[in-house]
Protein backbone atom coordinates (compact mmCIF):
# COMPACT_ATOMS: atom_id res chain seq x y z
CA UNK A 1 -27.94 -21.68 9.48
CA UNK A 2 -25.27 -24.38 9.39
CA UNK A 3 -22.50 -21.71 10.21
CA UNK A 4 -24.71 -20.23 13.20
CA UNK A 5 -24.98 -23.76 14.41
CA UNK A 6 -21.34 -24.53 14.17
CA UNK A 7 -20.60 -21.23 15.85
CA UNK A 8 -22.87 -22.18 18.98
CA UNK A 9 -21.40 -25.75 19.39
CA UNK A 10 -17.75 -24.04 19.72
CA UNK A 11 -19.30 -21.43 22.02
CA UNK A 12 -21.28 -23.47 24.12
CA UNK A 13 -18.06 -25.95 24.39
CA UNK A 14 -19.18 -29.34 23.52
CA UNK A 15 -16.43 -30.38 21.13
CA UNK A 16 -13.97 -32.69 22.30
CA UNK A 17 -10.37 -32.93 21.12
CA UNK A 18 -8.36 -36.22 21.37
CA UNK A 19 -4.88 -37.10 21.79
CA UNK A 20 -3.43 -39.73 19.83
CA UNK A 21 -4.60 -42.44 21.94
CA UNK A 22 -8.11 -41.20 20.88
CA UNK A 23 -8.94 -40.42 24.76
CA UNK A 24 -10.88 -36.97 25.20
CA UNK A 25 -8.84 -33.96 26.48
CA UNK A 26 -10.74 -32.45 28.79
CA UNK A 27 -8.37 -29.06 28.51
CA UNK A 28 -9.30 -28.69 25.15
CA UNK A 29 -12.99 -27.79 25.69
CA UNK A 30 -14.38 -24.27 25.59
CA UNK A 31 -17.06 -23.96 28.43
CA UNK A 32 -19.98 -21.77 28.40
CA UNK A 33 -19.63 -18.70 30.70
CA UNK A 34 -22.82 -18.60 32.58
CA UNK A 35 -21.88 -15.23 33.95
CA UNK A 36 -20.86 -13.41 30.87
CA UNK A 37 -23.33 -10.66 29.44
CA UNK A 38 -25.50 -11.27 26.53
CA UNK A 39 -25.09 -15.19 26.41
CA UNK A 40 -28.79 -16.48 25.47
CA UNK A 41 -29.94 -19.50 27.48
CA UNK A 42 -29.43 -23.16 25.93
CA UNK A 43 -32.78 -24.59 24.59
CA UNK A 44 -33.11 -28.05 25.90
CA UNK A 45 -35.99 -30.34 25.34
CA UNK A 46 -36.51 -33.03 27.92
CA UNK A 47 -39.10 -35.55 26.44
CA UNK A 48 -41.09 -37.64 29.47
CA UNK A 49 -39.12 -40.81 30.31
CA UNK A 50 -40.35 -43.93 28.72
CA UNK A 51 -41.11 -47.27 30.65
CA UNK A 52 -42.95 -50.16 31.22
CA UNK A 53 -46.75 -50.02 29.83
CA UNK A 54 -48.64 -50.65 33.36
CA UNK A 55 -50.93 -48.61 35.37
CA UNK A 56 -48.57 -45.62 37.16
CA UNK A 57 -46.25 -46.29 34.04
CA UNK A 58 -45.46 -43.88 31.46
CA UNK A 59 -48.25 -40.96 31.76
CA UNK A 60 -47.36 -40.63 35.59
CA UNK A 61 -43.66 -41.49 36.39
CA UNK A 62 -42.07 -40.72 33.14
CA UNK A 63 -43.57 -37.35 33.16
CA UNK A 64 -43.03 -36.97 36.64
CA UNK A 65 -39.09 -37.91 36.21
CA UNK A 66 -38.96 -35.33 33.12
CA UNK A 67 -40.57 -32.71 35.23
CA UNK A 68 -38.33 -32.74 37.83
CA UNK A 69 -35.23 -33.03 35.81
CA UNK A 70 -36.24 -29.87 33.87
CA UNK A 71 -37.05 -27.95 37.15
CA UNK A 72 -33.52 -28.51 38.45
CA UNK A 73 -32.21 -27.82 34.89
CA UNK A 74 -33.83 -24.21 34.89
CA UNK A 75 -32.86 -23.61 38.49
CA UNK A 76 -29.15 -23.11 37.47
CA UNK A 77 -30.29 -19.91 35.02
CA UNK A 78 -28.55 -21.18 31.67
CA UNK A 79 -31.11 -23.37 30.38
CA UNK A 80 -34.43 -22.62 28.59
CA UNK A 81 -36.73 -25.84 28.52
CA UNK A 82 -38.81 -26.32 25.41
CA UNK A 83 -42.35 -26.67 26.05
CA UNK A 84 -43.91 -30.19 25.61
CA UNK A 85 -46.48 -28.84 23.44
CA UNK A 86 -43.93 -27.73 21.01
CA UNK A 87 -43.07 -31.53 20.08
CA UNK A 88 -44.91 -34.47 19.62
CA UNK A 89 -44.45 -37.96 18.36
CA UNK A 90 -41.79 -40.49 18.42
CA UNK A 91 -39.31 -38.54 16.19
CA UNK A 92 -39.40 -34.67 16.37
CA UNK A 93 -37.42 -32.35 13.96
CA UNK A 94 -35.49 -30.98 17.00
CA UNK A 95 -33.62 -28.75 14.85
CA UNK A 96 -36.68 -27.12 13.37
CA UNK A 97 -37.93 -27.21 16.96
CA UNK A 98 -34.66 -24.84 17.95
CA UNK A 99 -33.33 -27.48 20.34
CA UNK A 100 -29.58 -27.43 21.21
CA UNK A 101 -29.54 -30.60 23.52
CA UNK A 102 -31.94 -33.07 24.26
CA UNK A 103 -32.22 -35.46 27.40
CA UNK A 104 -33.86 -38.79 26.78
CA UNK A 105 -34.54 -40.88 29.56
CA UNK A 106 -36.22 -44.38 30.63
CA UNK A 107 -36.95 -46.43 33.61
CA UNK A 108 -37.65 -49.67 34.93
CA UNK A 109 -39.21 -50.62 38.10
CA UNK A 110 -38.52 -54.16 39.66
CA UNK A 111 -38.44 -55.54 43.15
CA UNK A 112 -35.28 -53.76 43.82
CA UNK A 113 -36.62 -50.76 43.29
CA UNK A 114 -36.12 -48.20 40.33
CA UNK A 115 -33.78 -48.23 37.45
CA UNK A 116 -32.98 -44.55 35.56
CA UNK A 117 -31.16 -44.36 32.37
CA UNK A 118 -30.58 -40.68 31.23
CA UNK A 119 -28.30 -39.52 28.07
CA UNK A 120 -27.38 -35.84 27.14
CA UNK A 121 -27.52 -35.51 23.26
CA UNK A 122 -25.85 -32.67 20.82
CA UNK A 123 -28.77 -32.01 18.42
CA UNK A 124 -26.49 -30.35 15.88
CA UNK A 125 -23.71 -33.20 15.39
CA UNK A 126 -26.29 -36.00 16.52
CA UNK A 127 -23.77 -37.21 19.31
CA UNK A 128 -24.24 -38.62 22.81
CA UNK A 129 -22.53 -36.37 25.31
CA UNK A 130 -23.14 -38.02 28.49
CA UNK A 131 -24.88 -40.88 29.64
CA UNK A 132 -25.35 -42.54 33.24
CA UNK A 133 -27.54 -45.37 34.54
CA UNK A 134 -29.35 -45.11 38.56
CA UNK A 135 -30.93 -47.76 40.78
CA UNK A 136 -32.20 -47.04 44.07
CA UNK A 137 -35.29 -47.13 45.64
CA UNK A 138 -38.40 -44.98 44.31
CA UNK A 139 -38.43 -42.48 46.63
CA UNK A 140 -34.88 -41.30 45.94
CA UNK A 141 -35.51 -41.00 42.32
CA UNK A 142 -35.24 -37.09 42.83
CA UNK A 143 -31.80 -37.61 44.10
CA UNK A 144 -31.07 -39.61 41.20
CA UNK A 145 -32.18 -37.10 38.70
CA UNK A 146 -30.30 -34.18 40.47
CA UNK A 147 -26.95 -36.01 40.27
CA UNK A 148 -27.85 -36.47 36.21
CA UNK A 149 -28.69 -32.60 36.34
CA UNK A 150 -25.49 -31.76 38.01
CA UNK A 151 -23.66 -33.88 35.32
CA UNK A 152 -25.09 -32.06 32.58
CA UNK A 153 -24.36 -28.54 33.92
CA UNK A 154 -20.88 -29.68 34.18
CA UNK A 155 -20.68 -30.94 30.69
CA UNK A 156 -21.93 -27.29 29.70
CA UNK A 157 -19.54 -25.30 32.21
CA UNK A 158 -17.04 -27.31 33.31
CA UNK A 159 -18.26 -27.02 36.73
CA UNK A 160 -20.72 -29.33 38.92
CA UNK A 161 -23.99 -28.10 38.95
CA UNK A 162 -26.07 -27.37 42.28
CA UNK A 163 -28.99 -29.42 42.05
CA UNK A 164 -27.73 -31.99 44.78
CA UNK A 165 -27.21 -29.43 47.32
CA UNK A 166 -28.92 -28.41 50.16
CA UNK A 167 -29.98 -25.19 51.81
CA UNK A 168 -30.70 -24.43 55.82
CA UNK A 169 -32.50 -21.38 56.74
CA UNK A 170 -34.66 -20.02 59.70
CA UNK A 171 -37.99 -19.83 59.36
CA UNK A 172 -41.08 -18.68 62.06
CA UNK A 173 -43.70 -20.65 60.13
CA UNK A 174 -44.08 -22.57 63.15
CA UNK A 175 -44.46 -19.80 65.51
CA UNK A 176 -40.73 -20.03 66.64
CA UNK A 177 -37.74 -19.09 64.55
CA UNK A 178 -36.14 -22.61 63.94
CA UNK A 179 -33.73 -24.06 61.65
CA UNK A 180 -34.48 -25.66 58.56
CA UNK A 181 -33.06 -27.86 55.73
CA UNK A 182 -34.40 -28.22 52.26
CA UNK A 183 -33.60 -28.83 48.55
CA UNK A 184 -33.02 -26.35 45.97
CA UNK A 185 -37.19 -26.90 45.02
CA UNK A 186 -38.02 -26.06 48.45
CA UNK A 187 -40.11 -29.19 48.29
CA UNK A 188 -38.56 -31.59 50.65
CA UNK A 189 -38.08 -29.47 53.87
CA UNK A 190 -37.28 -30.76 57.37
CA UNK A 191 -37.30 -28.91 60.66
CA UNK A 192 -33.69 -29.42 62.35
CA UNK A 193 -34.17 -27.37 65.78
CA UNK A 194 -36.90 -27.77 68.20
CA UNK A 195 -36.06 -25.06 70.71
CA UNK A 196 -39.26 -23.46 70.48
CA UNK A 197 -37.58 -19.92 70.79
CA UNK A 198 -35.04 -17.64 68.64
CA UNK A 199 -32.35 -19.51 66.79
CA UNK A 200 -29.96 -17.23 64.44
CA UNK A 201 -27.04 -17.72 62.51
CA UNK A 202 -27.00 -21.18 60.90
CA UNK A 203 -23.67 -22.36 59.73
CA UNK A 204 -22.79 -25.49 57.78
CA UNK A 205 -19.90 -27.39 59.03
CA UNK A 206 -17.63 -27.76 55.84
CA UNK A 207 -18.39 -31.53 55.17
CA UNK A 208 -22.16 -30.80 55.17
CA UNK A 209 -22.98 -33.19 58.11
CA UNK A 210 -23.80 -30.78 61.08
CA UNK A 211 -25.30 -27.34 61.44
CA UNK A 212 -24.08 -24.75 63.96
CA UNK A 213 -25.97 -22.03 64.91
CA UNK A 214 -27.12 -19.68 68.17
CA UNK A 215 -30.06 -20.40 70.44
CA UNK A 216 -31.94 -18.21 73.07
CA UNK A 217 -33.90 -21.01 74.17
CA UNK A 218 -31.71 -21.77 78.13
CA UNK A 219 -31.75 -17.89 78.36
CA UNK A 220 -28.34 -16.69 76.92
CA UNK A 221 -27.38 -16.53 73.17
CA UNK A 222 -25.48 -20.08 73.20
CA UNK A 223 -23.74 -22.07 70.36
CA UNK A 224 -25.14 -25.28 69.41
CA UNK A 225 -24.42 -27.64 66.35
CA UNK A 226 -26.96 -30.38 65.25
CA UNK A 227 -25.63 -33.57 63.21
CA UNK A 228 -28.15 -33.61 60.31
CA UNK A 229 -28.68 -37.24 60.42
CA UNK A 230 -32.09 -38.61 61.35
CA UNK A 231 -31.29 -38.71 64.93
CA UNK A 232 -30.20 -34.76 64.85
CA UNK A 233 -27.88 -35.29 67.93
CA UNK A 234 -27.22 -31.87 69.52
CA UNK A 235 -24.60 -30.47 71.44
CA UNK A 236 -23.54 -27.37 72.92
CA UNK A 237 -20.32 -25.58 71.65
CA UNK A 238 -20.24 -22.34 73.93
CA UNK A 239 -22.34 -21.42 76.57
CA UNK A 240 -20.23 -18.27 77.80
CA UNK A 241 -21.90 -15.23 79.45
CA UNK A 242 -23.14 -13.14 76.83
CA UNK A 243 -22.76 -13.39 72.86
CA UNK A 244 -21.93 -16.93 71.19
CA UNK A 245 -22.19 -15.81 67.91
CA UNK A 246 -21.45 -17.41 64.35
CA UNK A 247 -19.11 -19.47 63.61
CA UNK A 248 -16.79 -19.23 60.88
CA UNK A 249 -15.76 -22.71 60.26
CA UNK A 250 -11.97 -23.59 59.11
CA UNK A 251 -11.96 -25.31 55.66
CA UNK A 252 -11.10 -28.47 57.55
CA UNK A 253 -13.81 -28.13 59.94
CA UNK A 254 -11.54 -28.22 63.07
CA UNK A 255 -11.30 -24.87 64.39
CA UNK A 256 -13.97 -22.09 64.40
CA UNK A 257 -14.08 -18.30 64.91
CA UNK A 258 -16.91 -16.66 66.40
CA UNK A 259 -17.75 -13.59 68.27
CA UNK A 260 -18.15 -13.84 72.00
CA UNK A 261 -18.76 -11.17 74.94
CA UNK A 262 -17.65 -12.76 77.82
CA UNK A 263 -15.55 -10.16 78.88
CA UNK A 264 -17.87 -7.35 77.69
CA UNK A 265 -16.78 -6.26 74.49
CA UNK A 266 -18.03 -8.61 71.47
CA UNK A 267 -14.63 -9.65 70.25
CA UNK A 268 -13.28 -12.49 67.94
CA UNK A 269 -11.74 -15.65 69.23
CA UNK A 270 -10.62 -19.19 67.95
CA UNK A 271 -11.78 -22.17 69.56
CA UNK A 272 -11.14 -25.99 68.27
CA UNK A 273 -13.99 -28.56 67.50
CA UNK A 274 -14.92 -28.90 71.20
CA UNK A 275 -15.30 -25.45 71.66
CA UNK A 276 -12.07 -24.61 73.63
CA UNK A 277 -10.64 -21.29 73.62
CA UNK A 278 -7.44 -21.25 71.32
CA UNK A 279 -6.94 -17.83 70.92
CA UNK A 280 -8.15 -14.40 70.96
CA UNK A 281 -7.83 -12.32 67.54
CA UNK A 282 -9.58 -8.95 68.26
CA UNK A 283 -9.32 -6.83 71.44
CA UNK A 284 -11.71 -4.07 72.07
CA UNK A 285 -11.10 -2.41 68.84
CA UNK A 286 -14.91 -1.99 68.45
CA UNK A 287 -17.84 -4.52 67.70
CA UNK A 288 -16.11 -7.54 65.79
CA UNK A 289 -18.86 -9.84 64.73
CA UNK A 290 -19.78 -11.89 61.45
CA UNK A 291 -16.51 -13.71 60.90
CA UNK A 292 -15.90 -15.81 57.64
CA UNK A 293 -12.96 -18.08 57.11
CA UNK A 294 -11.30 -17.90 53.82
CA UNK A 295 -11.17 -21.29 51.45
CA UNK A 296 -7.37 -20.88 51.87
CA UNK A 297 -7.55 -20.86 55.69
CA UNK A 298 -4.96 -18.29 56.01
CA UNK A 299 -7.48 -15.02 56.20
CA UNK A 300 -10.73 -14.15 57.59
CA UNK A 301 -13.03 -11.61 56.55
CA UNK A 302 -15.38 -9.77 59.23
CA UNK A 303 -17.26 -6.82 60.47
CA UNK A 304 -16.14 -4.21 62.86
CA UNK A 305 -17.68 -0.72 63.87
CA UNK A 306 -13.99 0.61 64.65
CA UNK A 307 -14.13 3.12 61.91
CA UNK A 308 -17.18 4.61 63.18
CA UNK A 309 -19.54 2.35 60.91
CA UNK A 310 -19.76 -1.36 60.20
CA UNK A 311 -17.13 -2.25 57.55
CA UNK A 312 -15.58 -5.46 56.09
CA UNK A 313 -12.23 -6.07 57.66
CA UNK A 314 -9.70 -8.67 56.26
CA UNK A 315 -7.11 -10.30 58.78
CA UNK A 316 -4.32 -12.35 58.27
CA UNK A 317 -4.21 -15.16 60.52
CA UNK A 318 -0.44 -15.43 60.74
CA UNK A 319 0.59 -11.93 61.23
CA UNK A 320 -2.80 -10.66 62.60
CA UNK A 321 -2.54 -7.83 60.38
CA UNK A 322 -6.08 -6.27 59.80
CA UNK A 323 -6.81 -4.02 56.83
CA UNK A 324 -10.51 -2.83 55.88
CA UNK A 325 -11.49 -3.61 52.47
CA UNK A 326 -14.92 -1.74 51.85
CA UNK A 327 -15.39 2.14 51.53
CA UNK A 328 -18.38 2.73 49.26
CA UNK A 329 -21.52 2.33 50.97
CA UNK A 330 -23.13 3.56 54.55
CA UNK A 331 -22.76 0.28 56.05
CA UNK A 332 -21.19 -3.06 54.75
CA UNK A 333 -21.66 -6.01 56.65
CA UNK A 334 -22.40 -9.85 56.37
CA UNK A 335 -19.34 -10.99 54.23
CA UNK A 336 -18.96 -14.71 52.98
CA UNK A 337 -16.19 -15.94 50.52
CA UNK A 338 -16.77 -17.38 47.25
CA UNK A 339 -16.12 -21.38 46.75
CA UNK A 340 -12.75 -20.15 45.20
CA UNK A 341 -12.06 -17.24 47.43
CA UNK A 342 -11.45 -15.04 44.75
CA UNK A 343 -14.28 -12.73 45.77
CA UNK A 344 -16.41 -11.43 48.78
CA UNK A 345 -19.91 -11.07 48.72
CA UNK A 346 -21.70 -8.69 51.58
CA UNK A 347 -24.90 -6.58 52.41
CA UNK A 348 -24.41 -2.71 52.00
CA UNK A 349 -26.45 0.00 52.87
CA UNK A 350 -26.53 2.38 49.61
CA UNK A 351 -29.08 5.28 48.99
CA UNK A 352 -31.19 3.80 51.95
CA UNK A 353 -31.75 -0.08 50.89
CA UNK A 354 -29.62 -3.01 51.70
CA UNK A 355 -28.07 -4.54 48.49
CA UNK A 356 -25.86 -7.47 48.01
CA UNK A 357 -22.42 -6.51 46.33
CA UNK A 358 -19.22 -8.53 45.42
CA UNK A 359 -15.61 -7.28 45.26
CA UNK A 360 -12.28 -8.78 45.10
CA UNK A 361 -10.85 -9.21 48.71
CA UNK A 362 -8.36 -6.14 47.98
CA UNK A 363 -8.11 -2.95 49.98
CA UNK A 364 -9.65 -0.22 47.69
CA UNK A 365 -11.23 -2.75 44.98
CA UNK A 366 -14.55 -1.23 43.24
CA UNK A 367 -17.52 -3.20 44.45
CA UNK A 368 -20.13 -4.50 41.91
CA UNK A 369 -23.85 -3.96 42.99
CA UNK A 370 -25.38 -7.50 42.14
CA UNK A 371 -29.24 -6.70 43.24
CA UNK A 372 -30.65 -3.31 42.28
CA UNK A 373 -34.20 -3.60 43.04
CA UNK A 374 -36.22 -2.03 45.76
CA UNK A 375 -36.63 -3.85 48.96
CA UNK A 376 -33.62 -4.74 51.44
CA UNK A 377 -31.21 -7.70 50.07
CA UNK A 378 -29.32 -8.96 53.15
CA UNK A 379 -27.70 -12.20 54.75
CA UNK A 380 -25.97 -13.65 51.35
CA UNK A 381 -24.08 -16.73 50.98
CA UNK A 382 -22.84 -18.40 47.64
CA UNK A 383 -24.16 -21.33 45.73
CA UNK A 384 -21.42 -24.12 46.12
CA UNK A 385 -20.24 -23.71 42.39
CA UNK A 386 -20.06 -20.24 43.27
CA UNK A 387 -22.16 -18.86 40.47
CA UNK A 388 -25.05 -17.98 42.02
CA UNK A 389 -25.78 -16.15 45.34
CA UNK A 390 -28.62 -16.64 47.77
CA UNK A 391 -30.22 -14.02 50.37
CA UNK A 392 -32.96 -12.81 52.30
CA UNK A 393 -35.33 -10.38 50.64
CA UNK A 394 -36.81 -8.15 52.78
CA UNK A 395 -40.05 -6.29 51.32
CA UNK A 396 -42.50 -4.42 54.13
CA UNK A 397 -43.20 -7.01 56.52
CA UNK A 398 -42.36 -10.18 54.30
CA UNK A 399 -39.11 -12.02 54.63
CA UNK A 400 -38.17 -14.57 51.63
CA UNK A 401 -35.35 -16.35 50.39
CA UNK A 402 -34.03 -15.51 46.70
CA UNK A 403 -31.18 -16.25 44.51
CA UNK A 404 -29.83 -14.49 41.76
CA UNK A 405 -26.84 -15.14 39.02
CA UNK A 406 -23.55 -13.10 40.51
CA UNK A 407 -24.12 -11.10 37.20
CA UNK A 408 -27.19 -9.87 38.54
CA UNK A 409 -29.58 -11.79 36.27
CA UNK A 410 -32.15 -14.31 36.98
CA UNK A 411 -33.41 -13.07 40.53
CA UNK A 412 -36.23 -15.19 41.69
CA UNK A 413 -38.29 -16.19 45.32
CA UNK A 414 -36.60 -19.58 45.79
CA UNK A 415 -39.65 -21.54 47.48
CA UNK A 416 -43.08 -20.14 49.17
CA UNK A 417 -43.52 -21.25 52.78
CA UNK A 418 -45.60 -19.92 55.52
CA UNK A 419 -44.18 -17.15 57.54
CA UNK A 420 -40.82 -15.32 56.89
CA UNK A 421 -37.39 -17.04 55.77
CA UNK A 422 -34.10 -15.49 56.80
CA UNK A 423 -30.25 -16.76 57.36
CA UNK A 424 -29.84 -18.98 53.94
CA UNK A 425 -27.00 -21.02 53.92
CA UNK A 426 -25.77 -23.41 50.83
CA UNK A 427 -23.51 -26.39 50.65
CA UNK A 428 -23.53 -29.30 48.22
CA UNK A 429 -25.08 -32.27 49.88
CA UNK A 430 -23.51 -35.35 51.23
CA UNK A 431 -22.61 -37.98 48.62
CA UNK A 432 -24.71 -41.42 49.56
């Protein structure tokens, strides 16, 4: 048993190697690869946070804090939460219970608001791997817990978690299709647009402070951008006749590529942040849509039917050379770059149903089919850490938002809301 435990600790990458000065060397850590096949989940216990013995104290607030943290940790697909009924008392035998790690937390309440302390402990070694303190208003407790969750995930995987992120989507729950914003749990949802008409294709600006989208509320398919602060200030980016669809934002947020049909054919144009045309990128070579700017800023993936059926193409923005990169599947549409720029996710029509595939951005690369169940899987987007894919699942007349690990495991509906939800987009939340 000790040998197995030691092997697990090495595998999960939580041994620190020190240099001569005694400081931890990050390069000495071996992190858990959550996309590796056959990797078992980490068993973690999150007991209720301890707090002051008062009305509304440990029995409610402490339990609520640990429950929210549990949900955020489980969301990442690598952690299995040990049920509380499996342990009791002040000093459980964590090894006997099967815990790999424990999160211990406490809280205080004062006139200044809520104080939270949380730490991550490795059961095998008994060492504390991470400890943080947070203070703020009581209604910000979820943000504090999400930030701690993301640090726990980073301790395990080497990459910051995605609990402190936000998801934009379109929903017809209020009647018209409007843009909404929510967190990973779907329990703090805010309506962004109130056009009382059809809104499509939401896109975050790279800094996460604004949301662009196309709306038909003035009769034409116009392009708008709305700031995601409390004032939700909206301005027009393009009202040119015909399509104004997209856009794909440059990594620095100063330019965008969108589809416009002002001259008849749907072509790609590059515009500045104010909506002025800088350059026309395609010219009547079929219908050209769904541009997606690569993280390196030098390439753009897009969809064109110039070869007969919609397929994904890659354009070098300097030479303007274009090459087709998808060949398997009847249609391949809606490409999105992974955060590191090493993969494209897209929707592929395979054997009569739409599935999510991923592939390196290379001509002739062999795609990997991520979703394989019944129904249609469309409009993918990557999690900010590049380890999950969010998408719309269409089953009959219902459209809901799902997520899945990029290795094809842990598919689940993210949240349940009235009506249909489509066009999900995911980004790290702006740090407070």
